[in-house]
Amino acid sequence: MTPVRGQLNKPEHRRVLSALRAAGRMTMTGAHWLVLMTTEREIFGGPSSQRAGSLYETLEQVLVQQAAPAADQDAPGETAVG
């Protein structure tokens, strides 16, 4: 994965760029995930950037998938039958 340019080249977004590079190497940690999941869309690129849009959509899908099991566990009145 080639990181998008622009905003990510700014020193204050070094952590985001590092997390994207870790994702590309498949060596992500929880800290990397936290950085990516809390980064605003504009940091990944402008509204017309297809690459930034695809990246952000993928991150949103991962977040939804990770939140779904947690929501299932929090559902009231359901008990596991073993």
C-alpha atoms as a PDB file:
ATOM      1  CA  MET A   1       0.000   0.000   0.000  1.00  0.00           C
ATOM      2  CA  THR A   2       1.362   3.383  -0.977  1.00  0.00           C
ATOM      3  CA  PRO A   3       0.397   6.067   1.531  1.00  0.00           C
ATOM      4  CA  VAL A   4      -1.443   9.063   0.171  1.00  0.00           C
ATOM      5  CA  ARG A   5       0.475  12.289  -0.006  1.00  0.00           C
ATOM      6  CA  GLY A   6      -0.396  15.817   1.090  1.00  0.00           C
ATOM      7  CA  GLN A   7      -1.604  16.019   4.676  1.00  0.00           C
ATOM      8  CA  LEU A   8       0.357  12.925   5.681  1.00  0.00           C
ATOM      9  CA  ASN A   9       3.638  14.602   4.806  1.00  0.00           C
ATOM     10  CA  LYS A  10       3.148  17.109   7.636  1.00  0.00           C
ATOM     11  CA  PRO A  11       5.166  16.419  10.796  1.00  0.00           C
ATOM     12  CA  GLU A  12       2.071  16.445  13.008  1.00  0.00           C
ATOM     13  CA  HIS A  13       0.671  13.451  11.105  1.00  0.00           C
ATOM     14  CA  ARG A  14       3.755  11.250  11.464  1.00  0.00           C
ATOM     15  CA  ARG A  15       1.877   8.770  13.644  1.00  0.00           C
ATOM     16  CA  VAL A  16      -0.819   8.300  10.987  1.00  0.00           C
ATOM     17  CA  LEU A  17       1.774   7.695   8.291  1.00  0.00           C
ATOM     18  CA  SER A  18       3.569   5.227  10.555  1.00  0.00           C
ATOM     19  CA  ALA A  19       0.309   3.353  11.179  1.00  0.00           C
ATOM     20  CA  LEU A  20      -0.394   3.169   7.440  1.00  0.00           C
ATOM     21  CA  ARG A  21       3.074   1.807   6.772  1.00  0.00           C
ATOM     22  CA  ALA A  22       2.592  -0.794   9.521  1.00  0.00           C
ATOM     23  CA  ALA A  23      -0.680  -1.809   7.863  1.00  0.00           C
ATOM     24  CA  GLY A  24       1.153  -2.227   4.574  1.00  0.00           C
ATOM     25  CA  ARG A  25       3.692  -4.497   6.276  1.00  0.00           C
ATOM     26  CA  MET A  26       0.913  -6.355   8.165  1.00  0.00           C
ATOM     27  CA  THR A  27       2.608  -5.529  11.484  1.00  0.00           C
ATOM     28  CA  MET A  28      -0.060  -3.386  13.111  1.00  0.00           C
ATOM     29  CA  THR A  29      -0.421  -2.985  16.846  1.00  0.00           C
ATOM     30  CA  GLY A  30      -3.380  -1.793  18.874  1.00  0.00           C
ATOM     31  CA  ALA A  31      -1.835   1.675  18.964  1.00  0.00           C
ATOM     32  CA  HIS A  32      -1.725   1.739  15.156  1.00  0.00           C
ATOM     33  CA  TRP A  33      -5.405   0.773  14.984  1.00  0.00           C
ATOM     34  CA  LEU A  34      -6.326   3.472  17.471  1.00  0.00           C
ATOM     35  CA  VAL A  35      -4.508   6.117  15.452  1.00  0.00           C
ATOM     36  CA  LEU A  36      -6.158   5.050  12.195  1.00  0.00           C
ATOM     37  CA  MET A  37      -9.640   4.717  13.666  1.00  0.00           C
ATOM     38  CA  THR A  38      -9.529   8.169  15.253  1.00  0.00           C
ATOM     39  CA  THR A  39      -8.004  10.063  12.329  1.00  0.00           C
ATOM     40  CA  GLU A  40     -10.287  12.422  10.446  1.00  0.00           C
ATOM     41  CA  ARG A  41     -11.044  11.647   6.791  1.00  0.00           C
ATOM     42  CA  GLU A  42      -9.408  14.869   5.538  1.00  0.00           C
ATOM     43  CA  ILE A  43      -6.001  13.749   6.796  1.00  0.00           C
ATOM     44  CA  PHE A  44      -6.002  10.831   4.347  1.00  0.00           C
ATOM     45  CA  GLY A  45      -6.562  13.112   1.349  1.00  0.00           C
ATOM     46  CA  GLY A  46      -8.941  15.522  -0.309  1.00  0.00           C
ATOM     47  CA  PRO A  47     -12.550  14.704  -1.157  1.00  0.00           C
ATOM     48  CA  SER A  48     -11.667  13.934  -4.773  1.00  0.00           C
ATOM     49  CA  SER A  49      -8.894  11.458  -3.880  1.00  0.00           C
ATOM     50  CA  GLN A  50     -10.070   7.967  -4.811  1.00  0.00           C
ATOM     51  CA  ARG A  51      -7.200   6.325  -2.963  1.00  0.00           C
ATOM     52  CA  ALA A  52      -7.960   8.235   0.237  1.00  0.00           C
ATOM     53  CA  GLY A  53     -11.660   7.448  -0.131  1.00  0.00           C
ATOM     54  CA  SER A  54     -10.976   3.737  -0.547  1.00  0.00           C
ATOM     55  CA  LEU A  55      -8.656   3.690   2.434  1.00  0.00           C
ATOM     56  CA  TYR A  56     -11.136   5.485   4.674  1.00  0.00           C
ATOM     57  CA  GLU A  57     -14.019   3.222   3.551  1.00  0.00           C
ATOM     58  CA  THR A  58     -11.919   0.179   4.403  1.00  0.00           C
ATOM     59  CA  LEU A  59     -11.146   1.578   7.855  1.00  0.00           C
ATOM     60  CA  GLU A  60     -14.859   2.255   8.415  1.00  0.00           C
ATOM     61  CA  GLN A  61     -15.718  -1.343   7.441  1.00  0.00           C
ATOM     62  CA  VAL A  62     -13.130  -2.717   9.854  1.00  0.00           C
ATOM     63  CA  LEU A  63     -14.504  -0.523  12.620  1.00  0.00           C
ATOM     64  CA  VAL A  64     -18.085  -1.698  11.971  1.00  0.00           C
ATOM     65  CA  GLN A  65     -16.986  -5.348  11.945  1.00  0.00           C
ATOM     66  CA  GLN A  66     -15.079  -4.939  15.190  1.00  0.00           C
ATOM     67  CA  ALA A  67     -17.951  -3.100  16.870  1.00  0.00           C
ATOM     68  CA  ALA A  68     -20.585  -5.686  15.851  1.00  0.00           C
ATOM     69  CA  PRO A  69     -19.314  -8.541  18.078  1.00  0.00           C
ATOM     70  CA  ALA A  70     -19.025  -6.148  21.014  1.00  0.00           C
ATOM     71  CA  ALA A  71     -22.607  -4.967  20.473  1.00  0.00           C
ATOM     72  CA  ASP A  72     -23.804  -8.594  20.319  1.00  0.00           C
ATOM     73  CA  GLN A  73     -22.179  -9.305  23.676  1.00  0.00           C
ATOM     74  CA  ASP A  74     -23.834  -6.260  25.221  1.00  0.00           C
ATOM     75  CA  ALA A  75     -27.356  -7.252  24.130  1.00  0.00           C
ATOM     76  CA  PRO A  76     -29.562  -7.494  27.241  1.00  0.00           C
ATOM     77  CA  GLY A  77     -31.511 -10.632  28.031  1.00  0.00           C
ATOM     78  CA  GLU A  78     -29.394 -12.977  25.965  1.00  0.00           C
ATOM     79  CA  THR A  79     -27.516 -15.786  27.600  1.00  0.00           C
ATOM     80  CA  ALA A  80     -25.166 -18.306  26.132  1.00  0.00           C
ATOM     81  CA  VAL A  81     -26.359 -21.891  26.165  1.00  0.00           C
ATOM     82  CA  GLY A  82     -23.523 -24.279  26.636  1.00  0.00           C
END
